């Protein structure tokens, strides 16, 4: 095969691979795609075609105090945080940072369609086509395995300082990340938040994990066991 033709075919193959990777990492048609065109098989709108609007708005609305351009009503729940005498890191009194934003849907106290900067359809309506509804009677609140409620004492701690100096069972971080082989997990102001293990925009590894947890690989990124 002549070199120019070979290089052209190679370039096309690389483009295809990159395109496939980008498609795999998209929020489109994932469980977080609540638009009316979503094929996620679960909770979705009947009248809102926009995807990002359920969490973000390009122009900061009145009443929104958090970034990035947050468009959803923030929870006002009082949470029971994880507490155990064996952990070394300090846990915030209440969820902070991105974890608070995640819990604005996942604590089950705020309607999924409670957005601050509405679109042309106003407040989006929601439905769940599955036989056993994952929405409450008002068709707004999460009522499923995604519901964490306000008791976080039985969940992996969030809003906790990552203290590998005192906790020898933790891998030392590299800058703002914890790295083990090909897996990199981010810390947020040196704290573990929901976003340390989950990437809400990438459904490649259920449930929105930053990497596969086969062989407990995700857990072993931080924990030395």
N, C-alpha and C. Protein backbone atom coordinates (compact mmCIF):
# COMPACT_ATOMS: atom_id res chain seq x y z
N UNK A 1 0.85 -1.19 0.00
CA UNK A 1 0.00 0.00 0.00
C UNK A 1 0.89 1.25 0.00
N UNK A 2 0.56 2.17 -0.86
CA UNK A 2 1.34 3.39 -0.94
C UNK A 2 1.20 4.18 0.36
N UNK A 3 2.30 4.85 0.75
CA UNK A 3 2.33 5.54 2.02
C UNK A 3 1.24 6.60 2.16
N UNK A 4 1.00 7.46 1.15
CA UNK A 4 -0.05 8.48 1.31
C UNK A 4 -1.42 7.87 1.60
N UNK A 5 -1.75 6.77 0.87
CA UNK A 5 -3.04 6.12 1.09
C UNK A 5 -3.10 5.51 2.48
N UNK A 6 -1.98 4.89 2.90
CA UNK A 6 -1.92 4.29 4.23
C UNK A 6 -2.13 5.34 5.32
N UNK A 7 -1.47 6.50 5.17
CA UNK A 7 -1.60 7.56 6.17
C UNK A 7 -3.02 8.10 6.21
N UNK A 8 -3.65 8.19 5.04
CA UNK A 8 -5.02 8.69 4.99
C UNK A 8 -5.97 7.73 5.70
N UNK A 9 -5.80 6.43 5.47
CA UNK A 9 -6.64 5.44 6.13
C UNK A 9 -6.40 5.42 7.63
N UNK A 10 -5.13 5.60 8.03
CA UNK A 10 -4.80 5.64 9.44
C UNK A 10 -5.47 6.84 10.12
N UNK A 11 -5.44 7.98 9.44
CA UNK A 11 -6.07 9.18 9.99
C UNK A 11 -7.57 8.98 10.17
N UNK A 12 -8.21 8.35 9.18
CA UNK A 12 -9.65 8.09 9.28
C UNK A 12 -9.96 7.15 10.44
N UNK A 13 -9.09 6.15 10.64
CA UNK A 13 -9.29 5.21 11.74
C UNK A 13 -9.18 5.91 13.08
N UNK A 14 -8.21 6.82 13.21
CA UNK A 14 -8.03 7.56 14.45
C UNK A 14 -9.22 8.46 14.74
N UNK A 15 -9.72 9.11 13.69
CA UNK A 15 -10.90 9.96 13.84
C UNK A 15 -12.09 9.15 14.33
N UNK A 16 -12.24 7.95 13.75
CA UNK A 16 -13.35 7.09 14.15
C UNK A 16 -13.24 6.68 15.61
N UNK A 17 -12.01 6.36 16.03
CA UNK A 17 -11.79 5.96 17.43
C UNK A 17 -12.06 7.11 18.38
N UNK A 18 -11.58 8.30 18.05
CA UNK A 18 -11.81 9.47 18.88
C UNK A 18 -13.30 9.78 18.96
N UNK A 19 -13.97 9.69 17.82
CA UNK A 19 -15.40 9.95 17.79
C UNK A 19 -16.17 8.96 18.64
N UNK A 20 -15.79 7.69 18.59
CA UNK A 20 -16.45 6.67 19.39
C UNK A 20 -16.24 6.93 20.86
N UNK A 21 -15.02 7.34 21.23
CA UNK A 21 -14.73 7.63 22.63
C UNK A 21 -15.52 8.81 23.13
N UNK A 22 -15.62 9.84 22.29
CA UNK A 22 -16.37 11.04 22.69
C UNK A 22 -17.84 10.71 22.86
N UNK A 23 -18.38 9.86 21.96
CA UNK A 23 -19.78 9.50 22.05
C UNK A 23 -20.06 8.72 23.33
N UNK A 24 -19.12 7.84 23.72
CA UNK A 24 -19.30 7.03 24.92
C UNK A 24 -19.35 7.88 26.17
N UNK A 25 -18.73 9.06 26.11
CA UNK A 25 -18.62 9.90 27.30
C UNK A 25 -19.67 11.00 27.35
N UNK A 26 -20.69 10.92 26.52
CA UNK A 26 -21.67 11.99 26.47
C UNK A 26 -22.82 11.74 27.43
N UNK A 27 -23.39 12.82 27.93
CA UNK A 27 -24.55 12.73 28.81
C UNK A 27 -25.81 12.40 28.03
N UNK A 28 -25.78 12.60 26.72
CA UNK A 28 -26.96 12.37 25.87
C UNK A 28 -27.45 10.93 26.03
N UNK A 29 -28.74 10.79 26.31
CA UNK A 29 -29.42 9.51 26.48
C UNK A 29 -28.99 8.74 27.73
N UNK A 30 -28.26 9.40 28.62
CA UNK A 30 -27.92 8.77 29.89
C UNK A 30 -29.05 9.00 30.89
N UNK A 31 -28.92 8.44 32.09
CA UNK A 31 -29.94 8.64 33.12
C UNK A 31 -30.05 10.11 33.53
N UNK A 32 -29.00 10.90 33.27
CA UNK A 32 -29.04 12.32 33.59
C UNK A 32 -29.57 13.17 32.43
N UNK A 33 -29.91 12.52 31.34
CA UNK A 33 -30.56 13.23 30.23
C UNK A 33 -32.06 13.14 30.44
N UNK A 34 -32.64 14.22 30.94
CA UNK A 34 -34.06 14.25 31.27
C UNK A 34 -34.90 14.91 30.18
N UNK A 35 -34.30 15.16 29.03
CA UNK A 35 -35.01 15.82 27.95
C UNK A 35 -36.06 14.88 27.35
N UNK A 36 -36.99 15.46 26.63
CA UNK A 36 -38.07 14.67 26.03
C UNK A 36 -37.58 13.75 24.93
N UNK A 37 -36.41 14.04 24.38
CA UNK A 37 -35.87 13.21 23.30
C UNK A 37 -34.97 12.09 23.82
N UNK A 38 -34.78 12.02 25.14
CA UNK A 38 -33.89 11.03 25.72
C UNK A 38 -34.42 9.61 25.51
N UNK A 39 -33.51 8.69 25.31
CA UNK A 39 -33.87 7.28 25.19
C UNK A 39 -33.36 6.50 26.40
N UNK A 40 -33.25 7.19 27.54
CA UNK A 40 -32.67 6.55 28.72
C UNK A 40 -33.57 5.49 29.36
N UNK A 41 -34.82 5.40 28.95
CA UNK A 41 -35.72 4.38 29.46
C UNK A 41 -36.30 4.68 30.82
N UNK A 42 -36.00 5.86 31.36
CA UNK A 42 -36.49 6.18 32.70
C UNK A 42 -37.10 7.56 32.77
N UNK A 43 -36.81 8.27 33.85
CA UNK A 43 -37.38 9.59 34.08
C UNK A 43 -37.00 10.54 32.96
N UNK A 44 -37.96 11.25 32.41
CA UNK A 44 -37.69 12.21 31.35
C UNK A 44 -38.84 13.21 31.28
N UNK A 45 -38.59 14.29 30.58
CA UNK A 45 -39.61 15.32 30.40
C UNK A 45 -40.54 14.95 29.25
N UNK A 46 -41.73 15.49 29.31
CA UNK A 46 -42.67 15.32 28.21
C UNK A 46 -42.65 16.50 27.26
N UNK A 47 -42.00 17.62 27.70
CA UNK A 47 -42.11 18.83 26.88
C UNK A 47 -40.82 19.65 26.79
N UNK A 48 -39.74 19.21 27.42
CA UNK A 48 -38.50 19.98 27.41
C UNK A 48 -37.44 19.24 26.58
N UNK A 49 -37.00 19.87 25.49
CA UNK A 49 -36.02 19.23 24.61
C UNK A 49 -34.58 19.50 25.03
N UNK A 50 -34.37 20.52 25.88
CA UNK A 50 -33.02 20.82 26.32
C UNK A 50 -32.55 19.79 27.35
N UNK A 51 -31.26 19.48 27.30
CA UNK A 51 -30.69 18.50 28.22
C UNK A 51 -30.05 19.17 29.42
N UNK A 52 -29.22 20.17 29.16
CA UNK A 52 -28.40 20.77 30.22
C UNK A 52 -29.20 21.61 31.20
N UNK A 53 -30.38 22.07 30.79
CA UNK A 53 -31.14 23.05 31.56
C UNK A 53 -31.54 22.55 32.94
N UNK A 54 -31.63 21.24 33.13
CA UNK A 54 -32.04 20.71 34.42
C UNK A 54 -30.98 20.94 35.50
N UNK A 55 -29.75 21.24 35.08
CA UNK A 55 -28.68 21.53 36.05
C UNK A 55 -27.98 22.87 35.80
N UNK A 56 -27.92 23.30 34.54
CA UNK A 56 -27.12 24.47 34.19
C UNK A 56 -27.91 25.46 33.36
N UNK A 57 -27.46 26.71 33.43
CA UNK A 57 -28.02 27.76 32.57
C UNK A 57 -26.87 28.65 32.12
N UNK A 58 -26.89 29.13 30.88
CA UNK A 58 -25.78 29.96 30.40
C UNK A 58 -25.72 31.33 31.07
N UNK A 59 -26.84 31.76 31.67
CA UNK A 59 -26.87 33.06 32.35
C UNK A 59 -27.35 32.83 33.77
N UNK A 60 -26.52 33.24 34.73
CA UNK A 60 -26.81 32.96 36.15
C UNK A 60 -28.15 33.54 36.56
N UNK A 61 -29.07 32.70 37.05
CA UNK A 61 -30.39 33.19 37.43
C UNK A 61 -30.38 33.82 38.82
N UNK A 62 -31.38 34.59 39.10
CA UNK A 62 -31.54 35.17 40.42
C UNK A 62 -31.74 34.06 41.45
N UNK A 63 -31.04 34.14 42.55
CA UNK A 63 -31.18 33.14 43.60
C UNK A 63 -30.15 32.04 43.54
N UNK A 64 -29.41 31.95 42.46
CA UNK A 64 -28.38 30.92 42.34
C UNK A 64 -27.06 31.48 42.87
N UNK A 65 -26.47 30.78 43.82
CA UNK A 65 -25.25 31.28 44.45
C UNK A 65 -24.06 30.36 44.22
N UNK A 66 -24.26 29.29 43.50
CA UNK A 66 -23.19 28.32 43.30
C UNK A 66 -22.85 28.19 41.83
N UNK A 67 -21.66 27.71 41.57
CA UNK A 67 -21.17 27.50 40.22
C UNK A 67 -21.12 25.99 39.98
N UNK A 68 -21.01 25.53 38.73
CA UNK A 68 -20.92 26.32 37.50
C UNK A 68 -22.29 26.62 36.90
N UNK A 69 -22.67 27.88 37.00
CA UNK A 69 -23.94 28.35 36.45
C UNK A 69 -25.08 27.40 36.82
N UNK A 70 -25.18 27.11 38.08
CA UNK A 70 -26.15 26.13 38.58
C UNK A 70 -27.57 26.63 38.39
N UNK A 71 -28.45 25.74 37.96
CA UNK A 71 -29.81 26.14 37.60
C UNK A 71 -30.86 25.38 38.39
N UNK A 72 -30.46 24.65 39.41
CA UNK A 72 -31.41 23.83 40.15
C UNK A 72 -31.53 24.31 41.59
N UNK A 73 -32.74 24.26 42.12
CA UNK A 73 -32.96 24.63 43.51
C UNK A 73 -32.07 23.78 44.41
N UNK A 74 -31.36 24.42 45.33
CA UNK A 74 -30.43 23.71 46.21
C UNK A 74 -31.16 23.18 47.44
N UNK A 75 -30.80 21.99 47.84
CA UNK A 75 -31.43 21.38 49.01
C UNK A 75 -31.20 22.20 50.27
N UNK A 76 -32.20 22.19 51.14
CA UNK A 76 -32.06 22.82 52.45
C UNK A 76 -32.16 21.77 53.56
N UNK A 77 -32.03 20.49 53.19
CA UNK A 77 -32.12 19.41 54.16
C UNK A 77 -30.99 19.50 55.18
N UNK A 78 -31.24 18.99 56.36
CA UNK A 78 -30.19 18.79 57.36
C UNK A 78 -29.78 17.32 57.29
N UNK A 79 -28.50 17.07 57.04
CA UNK A 79 -28.02 15.72 56.78
C UNK A 79 -27.32 15.12 58.00
N UNK A 80 -27.49 13.82 58.15
CA UNK A 80 -26.69 13.07 59.11
C UNK A 80 -25.45 12.59 58.37
N UNK A 81 -24.30 13.11 58.74
CA UNK A 81 -23.07 12.82 58.02
C UNK A 81 -22.43 11.52 58.51
N UNK A 82 -21.54 10.96 57.70
CA UNK A 82 -20.81 9.76 58.07
C UNK A 82 -19.93 10.05 59.28
N UNK A 83 -19.94 9.14 60.23
CA UNK A 83 -19.13 9.33 61.42
C UNK A 83 -18.61 7.98 61.90
N UNK A 84 -17.29 7.90 62.07
CA UNK A 84 -16.68 6.66 62.55
C UNK A 84 -15.35 7.00 63.20
N UNK A 85 -15.07 6.37 64.32
CA UNK A 85 -13.83 6.70 65.05
C UNK A 85 -12.58 6.26 64.32
N UNK A 86 -12.72 5.40 63.29
CA UNK A 86 -11.54 4.91 62.59
C UNK A 86 -11.07 5.84 61.48
N UNK A 87 -11.93 6.78 61.04
CA UNK A 87 -11.51 7.66 59.96
C UNK A 87 -10.72 8.83 60.53
N UNK A 88 -9.73 9.25 59.76
CA UNK A 88 -8.81 10.29 60.21
C UNK A 88 -9.17 11.67 59.68
N UNK A 89 -9.84 11.74 58.56
CA UNK A 89 -10.15 13.03 57.95
C UNK A 89 -11.34 13.71 58.60
N UNK A 90 -11.29 15.03 58.68
CA UNK A 90 -12.40 15.79 59.24
C UNK A 90 -13.55 15.85 58.25
N UNK A 91 -14.75 15.59 58.75
CA UNK A 91 -15.95 15.63 57.92
C UNK A 91 -16.66 16.96 58.16
N UNK A 92 -17.05 17.63 57.07
CA UNK A 92 -17.79 18.88 57.21
C UNK A 92 -19.11 18.64 57.94
N UNK A 93 -19.61 19.63 58.67
CA UNK A 93 -20.89 19.47 59.39
C UNK A 93 -22.04 19.12 58.45
N UNK A 94 -22.00 19.66 57.23
CA UNK A 94 -23.02 19.39 56.22
C UNK A 94 -22.33 19.27 54.86
N UNK A 95 -22.97 18.61 53.89
CA UNK A 95 -22.37 18.47 52.57
C UNK A 95 -21.96 19.81 51.99
N UNK A 96 -20.81 19.85 51.35
CA UNK A 96 -20.28 21.08 50.78
C UNK A 96 -19.94 20.87 49.32
N UNK A 97 -19.60 21.95 48.64
CA UNK A 97 -19.13 21.87 47.26
C UNK A 97 -20.12 21.17 46.35
N UNK A 98 -19.57 20.38 45.43
CA UNK A 98 -20.41 19.69 44.45
C UNK A 98 -21.34 18.66 45.06
N UNK A 99 -20.98 18.12 46.23
CA UNK A 99 -21.84 17.11 46.85
C UNK A 99 -23.20 17.69 47.22
N UNK A 100 -23.20 18.95 47.67
CA UNK A 100 -24.46 19.60 47.99
C UNK A 100 -25.34 19.72 46.75
N UNK A 101 -24.71 19.99 45.61
CA UNK A 101 -25.47 20.12 44.37
C UNK A 101 -26.06 18.78 43.96
N UNK A 102 -25.28 17.71 44.04
CA UNK A 102 -25.78 16.37 43.70
C UNK A 102 -26.99 16.02 44.57
N UNK A 103 -26.87 16.33 45.86
CA UNK A 103 -27.93 15.98 46.80
C UNK A 103 -29.18 16.83 46.61
N UNK A 104 -29.10 17.87 45.80
CA UNK A 104 -30.28 18.69 45.54
C UNK A 104 -31.32 17.93 44.73
N UNK A 105 -30.92 16.83 44.10
CA UNK A 105 -31.88 15.89 43.51
C UNK A 105 -31.92 14.60 44.32
N UNK A 106 -30.73 14.12 44.71
CA UNK A 106 -30.64 12.77 45.24
C UNK A 106 -31.01 12.62 46.70
N UNK A 107 -31.32 13.72 47.39
CA UNK A 107 -31.84 13.55 48.75
C UNK A 107 -33.36 13.39 48.74
N UNK A 108 -33.97 13.58 47.57
CA UNK A 108 -35.40 13.36 47.45
C UNK A 108 -36.27 14.44 48.05
N UNK A 109 -35.69 15.59 48.37
CA UNK A 109 -36.49 16.66 48.98
C UNK A 109 -36.81 17.78 48.00
N UNK A 110 -36.11 17.82 46.88
CA UNK A 110 -36.30 18.89 45.90
C UNK A 110 -36.77 18.28 44.58
N UNK A 111 -37.79 18.86 43.99
CA UNK A 111 -38.30 18.34 42.73
C UNK A 111 -37.22 18.37 41.65
N UNK A 112 -37.14 17.33 40.86
CA UNK A 112 -36.14 17.25 39.80
C UNK A 112 -36.31 18.39 38.80
N UNK A 113 -37.55 18.82 38.61
CA UNK A 113 -37.82 19.87 37.63
C UNK A 113 -37.88 21.25 38.27
N UNK A 114 -37.34 21.39 39.50
CA UNK A 114 -37.33 22.69 40.17
C UNK A 114 -36.11 23.48 39.71
N UNK A 115 -36.25 24.11 38.55
CA UNK A 115 -35.14 24.86 37.98
C UNK A 115 -35.37 26.35 38.18
N UNK A 116 -34.28 27.11 38.22
CA UNK A 116 -34.35 28.53 38.54
C UNK A 116 -34.60 29.39 37.30
N UNK A 117 -33.93 29.04 36.22
CA UNK A 117 -34.05 29.81 34.99
C UNK A 117 -34.78 28.95 33.97
N UNK A 118 -36.10 29.08 33.92
CA UNK A 118 -36.92 28.21 33.10
C UNK A 118 -36.73 28.48 31.62
N UNK A 119 -37.06 27.50 30.83
CA UNK A 119 -36.97 27.65 29.38
C UNK A 119 -38.30 28.17 28.84
N UNK A 120 -38.47 28.10 27.55
CA UNK A 120 -39.71 28.59 26.92
C UNK A 120 -40.92 27.76 27.31
N UNK A 121 -40.70 26.54 27.81
CA UNK A 121 -41.83 25.70 28.20
C UNK A 121 -42.21 25.92 29.66
N UNK A 122 -41.49 26.82 30.35
CA UNK A 122 -41.74 27.02 31.77
C UNK A 122 -41.14 25.90 32.59
N UNK A 123 -41.83 25.47 33.62
CA UNK A 123 -41.35 24.35 34.42
C UNK A 123 -41.59 23.05 33.66
N UNK A 124 -40.54 22.30 33.35
CA UNK A 124 -40.73 21.07 32.57
C UNK A 124 -41.58 20.05 33.32
N UNK A 125 -42.41 19.34 32.59
CA UNK A 125 -43.15 18.23 33.19
C UNK A 125 -42.31 16.96 33.04
N UNK A 126 -42.51 16.02 33.96
CA UNK A 126 -41.73 14.80 33.97
C UNK A 126 -42.63 13.58 33.98
N UNK A 127 -42.11 12.48 33.49
CA UNK A 127 -42.83 11.22 33.52
C UNK A 127 -41.83 10.10 33.67
N UNK A 128 -42.31 8.92 34.02
CA UNK A 128 -41.46 7.74 34.12
C UNK A 128 -42.19 6.58 33.46
N UNK A 129 -41.71 6.10 32.32
CA UNK A 129 -42.44 5.07 31.58
C UNK A 129 -42.34 3.68 32.17
N UNK A 130 -41.49 3.48 33.18
CA UNK A 130 -41.33 2.13 33.74
C UNK A 130 -42.55 1.71 34.55
N UNK A 131 -42.84 0.41 34.60
CA UNK A 131 -44.03 -0.06 35.31
C UNK A 131 -44.06 0.37 36.77
N UNK A 132 -42.93 0.29 37.46
CA UNK A 132 -42.84 0.76 38.84
C UNK A 132 -42.24 2.15 38.82
N UNK A 133 -43.04 3.15 39.13
CA UNK A 133 -42.59 4.53 38.98
C UNK A 133 -41.45 4.85 39.93
N UNK A 134 -40.45 5.55 39.42
CA UNK A 134 -39.34 6.03 40.22
C UNK A 134 -39.53 7.48 40.61
N UNK A 135 -40.74 7.97 40.42
CA UNK A 135 -41.12 9.31 40.85
C UNK A 135 -42.24 9.19 41.87
N UNK A 136 -42.34 10.15 42.76
CA UNK A 136 -43.43 10.15 43.73
C UNK A 136 -44.73 10.57 43.05
N UNK A 137 -45.79 10.60 43.81
CA UNK A 137 -47.11 10.86 43.24
C UNK A 137 -47.19 12.17 42.49
N UNK A 138 -46.41 13.17 42.93
CA UNK A 138 -46.46 14.45 42.24
C UNK A 138 -45.59 14.45 40.99
N UNK A 139 -45.03 13.27 40.67
CA UNK A 139 -44.24 13.10 39.44
C UNK A 139 -43.01 14.01 39.41
N UNK A 140 -42.42 14.24 40.59
CA UNK A 140 -41.30 15.17 40.63
C UNK A 140 -40.10 14.64 41.41
N UNK A 141 -40.32 13.89 42.47
CA UNK A 141 -39.22 13.53 43.36
C UNK A 141 -38.70 12.13 43.10
N UNK A 142 -37.38 11.97 43.20
CA UNK A 142 -36.76 10.66 43.05
C UNK A 142 -37.27 9.71 44.13
N UNK A 143 -37.59 8.49 43.73
CA UNK A 143 -38.04 7.48 44.69
C UNK A 143 -37.54 6.12 44.19
N UNK A 144 -36.24 5.92 44.25
CA UNK A 144 -35.64 4.72 43.66
C UNK A 144 -34.30 4.45 44.29
N UNK A 145 -33.51 3.60 43.64
CA UNK A 145 -32.16 3.31 44.15
C UNK A 145 -31.28 4.55 44.11
N UNK A 146 -31.68 5.57 43.34
CA UNK A 146 -30.92 6.82 43.28
C UNK A 146 -31.21 7.72 44.46
N UNK A 147 -32.19 7.34 45.29
CA UNK A 147 -32.58 8.16 46.44
C UNK A 147 -31.65 7.87 47.61
N UNK A 148 -30.91 8.88 48.06
CA UNK A 148 -30.01 8.74 49.20
C UNK A 148 -30.64 9.24 50.49
N UNK A 149 -31.66 10.04 50.41
CA UNK A 149 -32.33 10.77 51.49
C UNK A 149 -31.31 11.60 52.27
N UNK A 150 -31.65 12.01 53.48
CA UNK A 150 -30.76 12.91 54.21
C UNK A 150 -29.91 12.20 55.26
N UNK A 151 -29.92 10.87 55.21
CA UNK A 151 -29.07 10.08 56.12
C UNK A 151 -27.87 9.55 55.34
N UNK A 152 -26.74 10.20 55.49
CA UNK A 152 -25.53 9.81 54.77
C UNK A 152 -24.59 8.98 55.64
N UNK A 153 -25.08 8.56 56.80
CA UNK A 153 -24.22 7.81 57.72
C UNK A 153 -23.91 6.41 57.20
N UNK A 154 -24.72 5.92 56.25
CA UNK A 154 -24.50 4.58 55.71
C UNK A 154 -23.97 4.63 54.28
N UNK A 155 -23.45 5.78 53.89
CA UNK A 155 -22.86 5.95 52.56
C UNK A 155 -21.39 6.32 52.70
N UNK A 156 -20.63 6.12 51.63
CA UNK A 156 -19.23 6.54 51.66
C UNK A 156 -19.17 8.02 52.04
N UNK A 157 -18.29 8.38 52.98
CA UNK A 157 -18.25 9.79 53.42
C UNK A 157 -17.91 10.75 52.28
N UNK A 158 -18.61 11.85 52.26
CA UNK A 158 -18.31 12.95 51.33
C UNK A 158 -18.06 14.20 52.15
N UNK A 159 -17.50 15.20 51.50
CA UNK A 159 -17.12 16.44 52.20
C UNK A 159 -16.20 16.11 53.37
N UNK A 160 -15.28 15.19 53.10
CA UNK A 160 -14.32 14.74 54.11
C UNK A 160 -12.90 15.04 53.62
N UNK A 161 -12.07 15.54 54.51
CA UNK A 161 -10.68 15.85 54.16
C UNK A 161 -9.92 14.55 53.89
N UNK A 162 -9.21 14.52 52.78
CA UNK A 162 -8.41 13.35 52.42
C UNK A 162 -7.06 13.47 53.13
N UNK A 163 -6.91 12.71 54.23
CA UNK A 163 -5.74 12.86 55.10
C UNK A 163 -4.89 11.59 55.06
N UNK A 164 -4.06 11.47 54.04
CA UNK A 164 -3.20 10.29 53.93
C UNK A 164 -2.00 10.36 54.85
N UNK A 165 -1.74 11.54 55.43
CA UNK A 165 -0.62 11.67 56.37
C UNK A 165 -0.92 10.92 57.66
N UNK A 166 -2.12 11.07 58.17
CA UNK A 166 -2.51 10.39 59.40
C UNK A 166 -3.15 9.04 59.16
N UNK A 167 -3.83 8.89 58.03
CA UNK A 167 -4.47 7.62 57.71
C UNK A 167 -3.58 6.84 56.76
N UNK A 168 -2.83 5.90 57.28
CA UNK A 168 -1.87 5.15 56.48
C UNK A 168 -2.54 4.14 55.55
N UNK A 169 -3.85 4.04 55.65
CA UNK A 169 -4.58 3.17 54.73
C UNK A 169 -4.96 3.86 53.44
N UNK A 170 -4.56 5.12 53.29
CA UNK A 170 -4.86 5.88 52.08
C UNK A 170 -3.60 6.13 51.28
N UNK A 171 -3.74 6.07 49.98
CA UNK A 171 -2.62 6.37 49.07
C UNK A 171 -2.35 7.87 49.09
N UNK A 172 -1.09 8.25 49.09
CA UNK A 172 -0.73 9.67 49.07
C UNK A 172 -1.19 10.30 47.76
N UNK A 173 -1.79 11.48 47.82
CA UNK A 173 -2.27 12.13 46.59
C UNK A 173 -1.12 12.71 45.77
N UNK A 174 -1.39 12.91 44.51
CA UNK A 174 -0.48 13.60 43.61
C UNK A 174 -1.14 14.91 43.23
N UNK A 175 -0.72 15.99 43.89
CA UNK A 175 -1.39 17.26 43.67
C UNK A 175 -2.83 17.19 44.14
N UNK A 176 -3.77 17.50 43.26
CA UNK A 176 -5.19 17.47 43.60
C UNK A 176 -5.87 16.19 43.17
N UNK A 177 -5.09 15.14 42.92
CA UNK A 177 -5.64 13.87 42.47
C UNK A 177 -5.04 12.72 43.27
N UNK A 178 -5.75 11.60 43.25
CA UNK A 178 -5.21 10.34 43.75
C UNK A 178 -5.06 9.45 42.52
N UNK A 179 -3.87 8.94 42.30
CA UNK A 179 -3.56 8.22 41.08
C UNK A 179 -3.08 6.81 41.41
N UNK A 180 -3.63 5.84 40.69
CA UNK A 180 -3.16 4.47 40.79
C UNK A 180 -3.26 3.83 39.42
N UNK A 181 -2.12 3.65 38.78
CA UNK A 181 -2.11 3.11 37.43
C UNK A 181 -2.80 4.04 36.46
N UNK A 182 -3.81 3.54 35.76
CA UNK A 182 -4.50 4.34 34.75
C UNK A 182 -5.68 5.13 35.32
N UNK A 183 -5.96 4.97 36.61
CA UNK A 183 -7.12 5.63 37.22
C UNK A 183 -6.68 6.88 37.98
N UNK A 184 -7.33 7.97 37.70
CA UNK A 184 -7.08 9.23 38.40
C UNK A 184 -8.39 9.73 38.98
N UNK A 185 -8.40 9.95 40.29
CA UNK A 185 -9.60 10.45 40.96
C UNK A 185 -9.30 11.82 41.55
N UNK A 186 -10.16 12.81 41.30
CA UNK A 186 -9.89 14.18 41.75
C UNK A 186 -10.31 14.42 43.20
N UNK A 187 -9.55 15.29 43.86
CA UNK A 187 -9.94 15.82 45.16
C UNK A 187 -10.37 17.27 44.94
N UNK A 188 -11.24 17.77 45.80
CA UNK A 188 -11.75 19.13 45.67
C UNK A 188 -11.40 19.89 46.94
N UNK A 189 -10.43 20.80 46.82
CA UNK A 189 -9.89 21.50 47.99
C UNK A 189 -9.46 20.47 49.04
N UNK A 190 -8.81 19.41 48.55
CA UNK A 190 -8.30 18.31 49.37
C UNK A 190 -9.42 17.53 50.08
N UNK A 191 -10.61 17.57 49.49
CA UNK A 191 -11.72 16.82 50.09
C UNK A 191 -12.27 15.81 49.08
N UNK A 192 -12.77 14.70 49.62
CA UNK A 192 -13.50 13.74 48.82
C UNK A 192 -14.94 14.21 48.72
N UNK A 193 -15.40 14.38 47.48
CA UNK A 193 -16.78 14.76 47.23
C UNK A 193 -17.41 13.71 46.31
N UNK A 194 -18.69 13.82 46.04
CA UNK A 194 -19.34 12.88 45.12
C UNK A 194 -18.57 12.78 43.81
N UNK A 195 -18.08 13.94 43.35
CA UNK A 195 -17.37 13.99 42.07
C UNK A 195 -16.01 13.33 42.08
N UNK A 196 -15.54 12.90 43.24
CA UNK A 196 -14.26 12.19 43.29
C UNK A 196 -14.40 10.80 42.65
N UNK A 197 -15.54 10.17 42.85
CA UNK A 197 -15.77 8.83 42.30
C UNK A 197 -16.71 8.83 41.10
N UNK A 198 -17.54 9.87 40.99
CA UNK A 198 -18.55 9.91 39.93
C UNK A 198 -18.31 11.08 38.98
N UNK A 199 -18.56 10.84 37.71
CA UNK A 199 -18.55 11.89 36.69
C UNK A 199 -19.96 11.97 36.12
N UNK A 200 -20.70 12.98 36.52
CA UNK A 200 -22.13 13.05 36.18
C UNK A 200 -22.37 13.20 34.68
N UNK A 201 -21.33 13.52 33.92
CA UNK A 201 -21.50 13.70 32.48
C UNK A 201 -21.05 12.49 31.67
N UNK A 202 -20.58 11.45 32.35
CA UNK A 202 -20.04 10.29 31.64
C UNK A 202 -20.64 9.00 32.18
N UNK A 203 -21.58 8.40 31.45
CA UNK A 203 -22.24 7.18 31.92
C UNK A 203 -21.51 5.89 31.52
N UNK A 204 -20.27 6.01 31.05
CA UNK A 204 -19.56 4.84 30.52
C UNK A 204 -19.48 3.70 31.54
N UNK A 205 -19.27 4.07 32.82
CA UNK A 205 -19.18 3.07 33.88
C UNK A 205 -20.31 3.30 34.88
N UNK A 206 -21.28 2.41 34.88
CA UNK A 206 -22.43 2.53 35.76
C UNK A 206 -22.01 2.42 37.22
N UNK A 207 -22.54 3.24 38.14
CA UNK A 207 -23.42 4.39 37.90
C UNK A 207 -22.60 5.69 37.83
N UNK A 208 -22.24 6.09 36.63
CA UNK A 208 -21.48 7.30 36.38
C UNK A 208 -20.14 7.28 37.12
N UNK A 209 -19.53 6.12 37.28
CA UNK A 209 -18.23 6.04 37.94
C UNK A 209 -17.14 6.59 37.04
N UNK A 210 -16.10 7.11 37.64
CA UNK A 210 -14.98 7.65 36.85
C UNK A 210 -14.16 6.56 36.19
N UNK A 211 -14.26 5.34 36.69
CA UNK A 211 -13.57 4.20 36.10
C UNK A 211 -14.31 2.94 36.50
N UNK A 212 -14.05 1.86 35.81
CA UNK A 212 -14.66 0.59 36.17
C UNK A 212 -14.20 0.17 37.57
N UNK A 213 -15.10 -0.41 38.32
CA UNK A 213 -14.74 -0.91 39.65
C UNK A 213 -14.54 -2.42 39.65
N UNK A 214 -14.30 -2.99 38.48
CA UNK A 214 -13.97 -4.40 38.40
C UNK A 214 -12.73 -4.67 39.25
N UNK A 215 -12.80 -5.72 40.05
CA UNK A 215 -11.69 -6.02 40.94
C UNK A 215 -11.47 -4.94 41.99
N UNK A 216 -12.53 -4.16 42.26
CA UNK A 216 -12.46 -3.04 43.21
C UNK A 216 -11.38 -2.02 42.84
N UNK A 217 -11.15 -1.89 41.52
CA UNK A 217 -10.07 -0.99 41.05
C UNK A 217 -10.31 0.45 41.48
N UNK A 218 -11.56 0.88 41.45
CA UNK A 218 -11.85 2.27 41.84
C UNK A 218 -11.56 2.46 43.33
N UNK A 219 -12.01 1.53 44.14
CA UNK A 219 -11.78 1.62 45.60
C UNK A 219 -10.29 1.61 45.90
N UNK A 220 -9.56 0.74 45.22
CA UNK A 220 -8.13 0.57 45.50
C UNK A 220 -7.27 1.72 44.97
N UNK A 221 -7.91 2.64 44.25
CA UNK A 221 -7.17 3.85 43.84
C UNK A 221 -6.79 4.67 45.07
N UNK A 222 -7.71 4.75 46.01
CA UNK A 222 -7.43 5.51 47.24
C UNK A 222 -7.03 4.63 48.41
N UNK A 223 -7.69 3.48 48.52
CA UNK A 223 -7.52 2.65 49.72
C UNK A 223 -6.42 1.60 49.52
N UNK A 224 -5.47 1.57 50.42
CA UNK A 224 -4.40 0.57 50.39
C UNK A 224 -4.83 -0.63 51.21
N UNK A 225 -5.28 -1.66 50.52
CA UNK A 225 -5.79 -2.85 51.21
C UNK A 225 -5.14 -4.11 50.65
